[in-house]
C-alpha atoms as a PDB file:
ATOM      1  CA  ARG A   1      43.431  47.293  44.613  1.00  0.00           C
ATOM      2  CA  VAL A   2      43.457  49.321  41.421  1.00  0.00           C
ATOM      3  CA  TYR A   3      46.207  50.623  39.146  1.00  0.00           C
ATOM      4  CA  PHE A   4      46.346  53.605  36.789  1.00  0.00           C
ATOM      5  CA  THR A   5      48.572  54.871  34.009  1.00  0.00           C
ATOM      6  CA  ILE A   6      48.843  58.666  33.832  1.00  0.00           C
ATOM      7  CA  GLU A   7      50.197  60.507  30.809  1.00  0.00           C
ATOM      8  CA  TYR A   8      52.075  63.713  31.580  1.00  0.00           C
ATOM      9  CA  MET A   9      54.540  66.150  30.069  1.00  0.00           C
ATOM     10  CA  ASP A  10      58.092  66.178  31.423  1.00  0.00           C
ATOM     11  CA  LEU A  11      60.311  68.887  29.893  1.00  0.00           C
ATOM     12  CA  ASP A  12      58.314  68.780  26.640  1.00  0.00           C
ATOM     13  CA  GLU A  13      58.475  64.978  26.538  1.00  0.00           C
ATOM     14  CA  THR A  14      55.435  62.776  27.031  1.00  0.00           C
ATOM     15  CA  SER A  15      55.968  60.288  29.863  1.00  0.00           C
ATOM     16  CA  THR A  16      53.983  57.746  31.878  1.00  0.00           C
ATOM     17  CA  ILE A  17      53.620  57.416  35.614  1.00  0.00           C
ATOM     18  CA  LEU A  18      51.920  54.508  37.369  1.00  0.00           C
ATOM     19  CA  ILE A  19      50.013  54.736  40.616  1.00  0.00           C
ATOM     20  CA  SER A  20      48.001  52.310  42.735  1.00  0.00           C
ATOM     21  CA  GLY A  21      44.950  52.897  44.868  1.00  0.00           C
ATOM     22  CA  LYS A  22      42.263  51.214  46.907  1.00  0.00           C
ATOM     23  CA  ILE A  23      38.578  50.907  46.123  1.00  0.00           C
ATOM     24  CA  ASP A  24      36.131  51.920  48.866  1.00  0.00           C
ATOM     25  CA  SER A  25      32.926  50.118  47.891  1.00  0.00           C
ATOM     26  CA  THR A  26      30.970  51.660  50.749  1.00  0.00           C
ATOM     27  CA  ASN A  27      31.618  55.223  49.641  1.00  0.00           C
ATOM     28  CA  ASN A  28      31.979  54.437  45.923  1.00  0.00           C
ATOM     29  CA  SER A  29      35.404  56.041  45.843  1.00  0.00           C
ATOM     30  CA  ILE A  30      39.033  55.313  45.041  1.00  0.00           C
ATOM     31  CA  THR A  31      41.906  56.557  47.194  1.00  0.00           C
ATOM     32  CA  LEU A  32      45.244  56.866  45.420  1.00  0.00           C
ATOM     33  CA  ASP A  33      48.500  56.039  47.187  1.00  0.00           C
ATOM     34  CA  GLU A  34      50.958  58.836  46.363  1.00  0.00           C
ATOM     35  CA  SER A  35      53.854  56.826  47.775  1.00  0.00           C
ATOM     36  CA  SER A  36      53.334  54.161  45.093  1.00  0.00           C
ATOM     37  CA  ILE A  37      54.074  56.454  42.121  1.00  0.00           C
ATOM     38  CA  ALA A  38      56.517  54.941  39.625  1.00  0.00           C
ATOM     39  CA  LYS A  39      57.721  56.107  36.230  1.00  0.00           C
ATOM     40  CA  ASP A  40      57.722  53.791  33.233  1.00  0.00           C
ATOM     41  CA  SER A  41      60.454  54.917  30.866  1.00  0.00           C
ATOM     42  CA  ALA A  42      59.739  53.903  27.272  1.00  0.00           C
ATOM     43  CA  ASN A  43      62.650  53.214  24.939  1.00  0.00           C
ATOM     44  CA  ILE A  44      61.282  55.819  22.512  1.00  0.00           C
ATOM     45  CA  SER A  45      59.659  59.194  23.141  1.00  0.00           C
ATOM     46  CA  MET A  46      56.796  60.654  21.103  1.00  0.00           C
ATOM     47  CA  PHE A  47      54.489  63.576  21.779  1.00  0.00           C
ATOM     48  CA  ASN A  48      51.105  62.531  23.186  1.00  0.00           C
ATOM     49  CA  ILE A  49      52.102  58.836  23.179  1.00  0.00           C
ATOM     50  CA  SER A  50      52.415  56.853  26.415  1.00  0.00           C
ATOM     51  CA  ASP A  51      51.260  53.671  28.192  1.00  0.00           C
ATOM     52  CA  GLU A  52      47.512  53.347  27.555  1.00  0.00           C
ATOM     53  CA  SER A  53      46.883  49.979  29.192  1.00  0.00           C
ATOM     54  CA  ILE A  54      48.109  47.608  31.890  1.00  0.00           C
ATOM     55  CA  LEU A  55      48.345  43.833  31.652  1.00  0.00           C
ATOM     56  CA  LEU A  56      48.092  41.797  34.869  1.00  0.00           C
ATOM     57  CA  TYR A  57      50.024  38.536  34.585  1.00  0.00           C
ATOM     58  CA  GLN A  58      51.088  36.160  37.372  1.00  0.00           C
ATOM     59  CA  ASN A  59      50.706  38.883  40.017  1.00  0.00           C
ATOM     60  CA  LYS A  60      52.860  41.257  37.992  1.00  0.00           C
ATOM     61  CA  LEU A  61      51.949  44.406  36.074  1.00  0.00           C
ATOM     62  CA  ILE A  62      52.980  45.053  32.481  1.00  0.00           C
ATOM     63  CA  PRO A  63      52.155  48.549  31.169  1.00  0.00           C
ATOM     64  CA  ILE A  64      51.711  48.541  27.383  1.00  0.00           C
ATOM     65  CA  TYR A  65      53.052  51.466  25.350  1.00  0.00           C
ATOM     66  CA  GLU A  66      50.929  52.788  22.474  1.00  0.00           C
ATOM     67  CA  VAL A  67      53.287  52.307  19.528  1.00  0.00           C
ATOM     68  CA  PHE A  68      55.602  49.487  18.467  1.00  0.00           C
ATOM     69  CA  GLY A  69      55.874  50.196  14.741  1.00  0.00           C
ATOM     70  CA  LYS A  70      58.931  48.866  12.920  1.00  0.00           C
ATOM     71  CA  ASN A  71      59.901  52.304  11.587  1.00  0.00           C
ATOM     72  CA  LEU A  72      59.701  53.819  15.075  1.00  0.00           C
ATOM     73  CA  ASN A  73      61.079  51.162  17.384  1.00  0.00           C
ATOM     74  CA  SER A  74      63.786  48.683  16.363  1.00  0.00           C
ATOM     75  CA  ASN A  75      63.877  47.058  19.813  1.00  0.00           C
ATOM     76  CA  PRO A  76      60.326  47.100  21.225  1.00  0.00           C
ATOM     77  CA  GLN A  77      60.042  46.195  24.897  1.00  0.00           C
ATOM     78  CA  VAL A  78      57.666  46.533  27.836  1.00  0.00           C
ATOM     79  CA  SER A  79      58.407  46.857  31.546  1.00  0.00           C
ATOM     80  CA  ILE A  80      57.398  44.479  34.316  1.00  0.00           C
ATOM     81  CA  PHE A  81      56.537  45.781  37.797  1.00  0.00           C
ATOM     82  CA  ASP A  82      55.568  43.939  40.958  1.00  0.00           C
ATOM     83  CA  GLU A  83      52.272  44.658  42.751  1.00  0.00           C
ATOM     84  CA  ASN A  84      53.966  47.461  44.701  1.00  0.00           C
ATOM     85  CA  LEU A  85      55.014  49.094  41.414  1.00  0.00           C
ATOM     86  CA  LYS A  86      58.671  48.256  41.892  1.00  0.00           C
ATOM     87  CA  PHE A  87      60.431  47.799  38.558  1.00  0.00           C
ATOM     88  CA  ILE A  88      61.634  44.249  37.842  1.00  0.00           C
ATOM     89  CA  LYS A  89      62.883  44.116  34.240  1.00  0.00           C
ATOM     90  CA  ARG A  90      61.978  44.628  30.603  1.00  0.00           C
ATOM     91  CA  ILE A  91      60.884  41.952  28.119  1.00  0.00           C
ATOM     92  CA  SER A  92      60.473  41.921  24.342  1.00  0.00           C
ATOM     93  CA  PHE A  93      57.259  42.880  22.554  1.00  0.00           C
ATOM     94  CA  PRO A  94      56.631  42.296  18.837  1.00  0.00           C
ATOM     95  CA  ASN A  95      56.652  45.040  16.245  1.00  0.00           C
ATOM     96  CA  ILE A  96      53.103  45.934  15.260  1.00  0.00           C
ATOM     97  CA  GLU A  97      51.953  48.931  13.273  1.00  0.00           C
ATOM     98  CA  TYR A  98      49.538  51.670  14.406  1.00  0.00           C
ATOM     99  CA  ARG A  99      48.479  52.139  18.059  1.00  0.00           C
ATOM    100  CA  ILE A 100      47.684  49.759  20.908  1.00  0.00           C
ATOM    101  CA  THR A 101      44.951  51.475  22.920  1.00  0.00           C
ATOM    102  CA  ASP A 102      43.853  48.794  25.409  1.00  0.00           C
ATOM    103  CA  VAL A 103      44.225  45.102  26.257  1.00  0.00           C
ATOM    104  CA  THR A 104      42.055  42.377  27.769  1.00  0.00           C
ATOM    105  CA  SER A 105      42.887  40.111  30.671  1.00  0.00           C
ATOM    106  CA  VAL A 106      45.199  37.126  30.077  1.00  0.00           C
ATOM    107  CA  ASP A 107      43.624  33.669  29.752  1.00  0.00           C
ATOM    108  CA  ASN A 108      45.017  30.402  31.128  1.00  0.00           C
ATOM    109  CA  SER A 109      47.044  29.845  27.942  1.00  0.00           C
ATOM    110  CA  GLY A 110      48.740  33.225  28.170  1.00  0.00           C
ATOM    111  CA  ASN A 111      46.643  34.787  25.403  1.00  0.00           C
ATOM    112  CA  PHE A 112      45.228  38.307  25.453  1.00  0.00           C
ATOM    113  CA  TRP A 113      43.687  40.661  22.909  1.00  0.00           C
ATOM    114  CA  ALA A 114      44.468  44.291  22.112  1.00  0.00           C
ATOM    115  CA  ILE A 115      42.755  47.084  20.221  1.00  0.00           C
ATOM    116  CA  ASN A 116      44.954  47.993  17.243  1.00  0.00           C
ATOM    117  CA  TYR A 117      43.854  51.323  15.784  1.00  0.00           C
ATOM    118  CA  LEU A 118      44.936  53.813  13.144  1.00  0.00           C
ATOM    119  CA  TYR A 119      43.470  57.296  12.940  1.00  0.00           C
ATOM    120  CA  PRO A 120      44.347  58.558   9.432  1.00  0.00           C
ATOM    121  CA  GLY A 121      45.572  61.856  10.870  1.00  0.00           C
ATOM    122  CA  ASP A 122      48.358  59.901  12.635  1.00  0.00           C
ATOM    123  CA  ASN A 123      49.854  58.469   9.432  1.00  0.00           C
ATOM    124  CA  LYS A 124      52.679  60.984   9.245  1.00  0.00           C
ATOM    125  CA  LYS A 125      53.415  60.704  12.956  1.00  0.00           C
ATOM    126  CA  LEU A 126      53.397  56.893  13.093  1.00  0.00           C
ATOM    127  CA  ASN A 127      55.070  56.372   9.702  1.00  0.00           C
ATOM    128  CA  PRO A 128      53.721  52.801   9.375  1.00  0.00           C
ATOM    129  CA  ALA A 129      55.881  50.109   7.811  1.00  0.00           C
ATOM    130  CA  LYS A 130      54.450  47.271   5.731  1.00  0.00           C
ATOM    131  CA  ASP A 131      51.570  45.733   7.675  1.00  0.00           C
ATOM    132  CA  GLU A 132      52.664  42.131   8.190  1.00  0.00           C
ATOM    133  CA  LEU A 133      49.252  41.120   9.547  1.00  0.00           C
ATOM    134  CA  ILE A 134      47.533  42.276   6.360  1.00  0.00           C
ATOM    135  CA  SER A 135      50.160  40.464   4.277  1.00  0.00           C
ATOM    136  CA  LYS A 136      49.580  37.251   6.217  1.00  0.00           C
ATOM    137  CA  TYR A 137      45.827  37.266   6.856  1.00  0.00           C
ATOM    138  CA  GLY A 138      44.299  39.795   4.463  1.00  0.00           C
ATOM    139  CA  ILE A 139      42.102  42.721   5.458  1.00  0.00           C
ATOM    140  CA  GLY A 140      38.491  43.295   6.483  1.00  0.00           C
ATOM    141  CA  LYS A 141      36.025  43.952   3.651  1.00  0.00           C
ATOM    142  CA  SER A 142      35.113  47.452   4.845  1.00  0.00           C
ATOM    143  CA  HIS A 143      38.824  48.341   5.147  1.00  0.00           C
ATOM    144  CA  PHE A 144      39.779  47.749   1.487  1.00  0.00           C
ATOM    145  CA  ASP A 145      39.449  51.344   0.323  1.00  0.00           C
ATOM    146  CA  ALA A 146      39.462  53.019   3.732  1.00  0.00           C
ATOM    147  CA  GLU A 147      42.229  54.822   5.585  1.00  0.00           C
ATOM    148  CA  PRO A 148      41.336  53.927   9.200  1.00  0.00           C
ATOM    149  CA  ILE A 149      42.318  50.602  10.751  1.00  0.00           C
ATOM    150  CA  GLU A 150      40.100  49.203  13.507  1.00  0.00           C
ATOM    151  CA  ARG A 151      40.904  45.654  14.585  1.00  0.00           C
ATOM    152  CA  LEU A 152      41.528  43.348  17.519  1.00  0.00           C
ATOM    153  CA  VAL A 153      44.821  41.451  17.609  1.00  0.00           C
ATOM    154  CA  GLU A 154      45.699  38.483  19.824  1.00  0.00           C
ATOM    155  CA  PHE A 155      49.044  38.172  21.609  1.00  0.00           C
ATOM    156  CA  ASN A 156      50.599  35.459  23.735  1.00  0.00           C
ATOM    157  CA  ILE A 157      52.872  35.830  26.743  1.00  0.00           C
ATOM    158  CA  LYS A 158      55.171  33.010  27.853  1.00  0.00           C
ATOM    159  CA  ASN A 159      58.818  32.395  28.667  1.00  0.00           C
ATOM    160  CA  GLU A 160      59.156  36.064  29.589  1.00  0.00           C
ATOM    161  CA  GLU A 161      58.346  37.422  26.145  1.00  0.00           C
ATOM    162  CA  ILE A 162      55.235  38.622  24.336  1.00  0.00           C
ATOM    163  CA  ILE A 163      54.584  37.460  20.774  1.00  0.00           C
ATOM    164  CA  LEU A 164      51.777  37.674  18.225  1.00  0.00           C
ATOM    165  CA  SER A 165      49.574  34.579  18.324  1.00  0.00           C
ATOM    166  CA  SER A 166      48.591  32.576  15.243  1.00  0.00           C
ATOM    167  CA  THR A 167      44.973  33.745  15.474  1.00  0.00           C
ATOM    168  CA  PRO A 168      43.902  36.062  12.623  1.00  0.00           C
ATOM    169  CA  PRO A 169      42.933  39.627  13.612  1.00  0.00           C
ATOM    170  CA  ILE A 170      39.280  40.595  14.018  1.00  0.00           C
ATOM    171  CA  TYR A 171      38.404  43.582  11.805  1.00  0.00           C
ATOM    172  CA  LEU A 172      35.611  45.870  12.948  1.00  0.00           C
ATOM    173  CA  LYS A 173      33.150  46.936  10.273  1.00  0.00           C
ATOM    174  CA  LEU A 174      33.837  50.573   9.424  1.00  0.00           C
ATOM    175  CA  GLN A 175      30.970  53.013   9.019  1.00  0.00           C
ATOM    176  CA  ASN A 176      31.325  55.260   5.963  1.00  0.00           C
ATOM    177  CA  SER A 177      35.120  54.893   6.268  1.00  0.00           C
ATOM    178  CA  GLU A 178      35.060  57.097   9.379  1.00  0.00           C
ATOM    179  CA  SER A 179      37.376  56.243  12.261  1.00  0.00           C
ATOM    180  CA  ARG A 180      36.233  55.577  15.817  1.00  0.00           C
ATOM    181  CA  ASN A 181      38.754  55.927  18.615  1.00  0.00           C
ATOM    182  CA  TRP A 182      38.255  52.616  20.439  1.00  0.00           C
ATOM    183  CA  GLU A 183      40.095  52.893  23.752  1.00  0.00           C
ATOM    184  CA  GLY A 184      38.549  50.282  26.030  1.00  0.00           C
ATOM    185  CA  ILE A 185      38.152  46.505  25.754  1.00  0.00           C
ATOM    186  CA  ALA A 186      37.125  43.646  28.040  1.00  0.00           C
ATOM    187  CA  LYS A 187      36.136  40.027  27.515  1.00  0.00           C
ATOM    188  CA  LEU A 188      32.501  39.237  28.294  1.00  0.00           C
ATOM    189  CA  ASP A 189      32.676  35.713  29.690  1.00  0.00           C
ATOM    190  CA  LYS A 190      33.022  33.393  26.665  1.00  0.00           C
ATOM    191  CA  LYS A 191      30.577  35.388  24.567  1.00  0.00           C
ATOM    192  CA  GLY A 192      32.873  37.979  23.025  1.00  0.00           C
ATOM    193  CA  PHE A 193      34.169  41.469  23.753  1.00  0.00           C
ATOM    194  CA  ILE A 194      32.823  44.736  25.087  1.00  0.00           C
ATOM    195  CA  ILE A 195      34.607  47.713  23.515  1.00  0.00           C
ATOM    196  CA  ALA A 196      34.223  51.456  24.026  1.00  0.00           C
ATOM    197  CA  THR A 197      35.373  54.667  22.378  1.00  0.00           C
ATOM    198  CA  ASP A 198      36.381  57.887  24.068  1.00  0.00           C
ATOM    199  CA  THR A 199      34.485  60.979  22.905  1.00  0.00           C
ATOM    200  CA  PHE A 200      35.579  60.662  19.248  1.00  0.00           C
ATOM    201  CA  PRO A 201      33.397  60.710  17.243  1.00  0.00           C
ATOM    202  CA  LYS A 202      31.095  60.159  20.217  1.00  0.00           C
ATOM    203  CA  THR A 203      30.969  57.770  23.156  1.00  0.00           C
ATOM    204  CA  ILE A 204      30.106  54.295  21.839  1.00  0.00           C
ATOM    205  CA  LEU A 205      29.703  51.022  23.757  1.00  0.00           C
ATOM    206  CA  ALA A 206      29.681  47.966  21.502  1.00  0.00           C
ATOM    207  CA  PHE A 207      29.544  44.173  21.756  1.00  0.00           C
ATOM    208  CA  ILE A 208      31.565  41.912  19.439  1.00  0.00           C
ATOM    209  CA  LYS A 209      30.411  38.299  19.365  1.00  0.00           C
ATOM    210  CA  TYR A 210      33.338  35.878  19.282  1.00  0.00           C
ATOM    211  CA  ASN A 211      33.827  32.173  19.923  1.00  0.00           C
ATOM    212  CA  PHE A 212      36.935  31.697  22.083  1.00  0.00           C
ATOM    213  CA  GLU A 213      36.905  27.907  21.712  1.00  0.00           C
END
C-alpha cells in the first residue's frame, strides 16, 4: 500500500488531500483508490504551502505541514489518520523556522529526521523568528555569511506529541552560497542519509554519512 499528499487550490487557498493506492509489482504501476481521498486541514493557510511529507508511526499516518514558524503559527499541530485515511485527532508539533520538506522513517526510539530548508526568496513570506536551533547549537561553517539554510533536524515522537530531540542539527555544506531545494530524504541502513532535490537548481542525489549510534 502507498500513500500520497497532493497539493491543490481550493477557492484561492492552498490545501492538501491524501489518497492511498496499491502497488502492482508485475505491471510496475500504482492504482489510486479514489474512495480513500481525505482532506488534511492545516490550522494556517498560505499560498503554495501544504503537507509535503507523511510520517508512518504505529500503523498511523501523520502528514507534516511545510511551515511551523513562530511568527506564523502560535499553535502548531499535525493530524493523525488511520491506515484507511480516517481522521483520528491532532497532536502538537514544535515551532521550527523555515520549511520542512520531507521526513525519514521513525526508529525504535521514536526518532526521525527532517529536511529543514530556507530559500532566500521565501524570507518575506515565512517571516522567520529568532532561530532557536542556531542559538543553541551554532551554525554550519558555510552558512555563516550565507542566506540559504540547508540542514537536517531530528525530532522525537512519544506520548502523542512531537518534540525536537537533543541531537544537534546536521548542516549541509553550501556551494557558493547557492540554495538547493532538497525535497527527499531516506535513511540508508545505519550508514547515513540519501537526499534529493527537485529540479532546482538541478536534480541532485546525494549521500550524507552519519553515525546513528
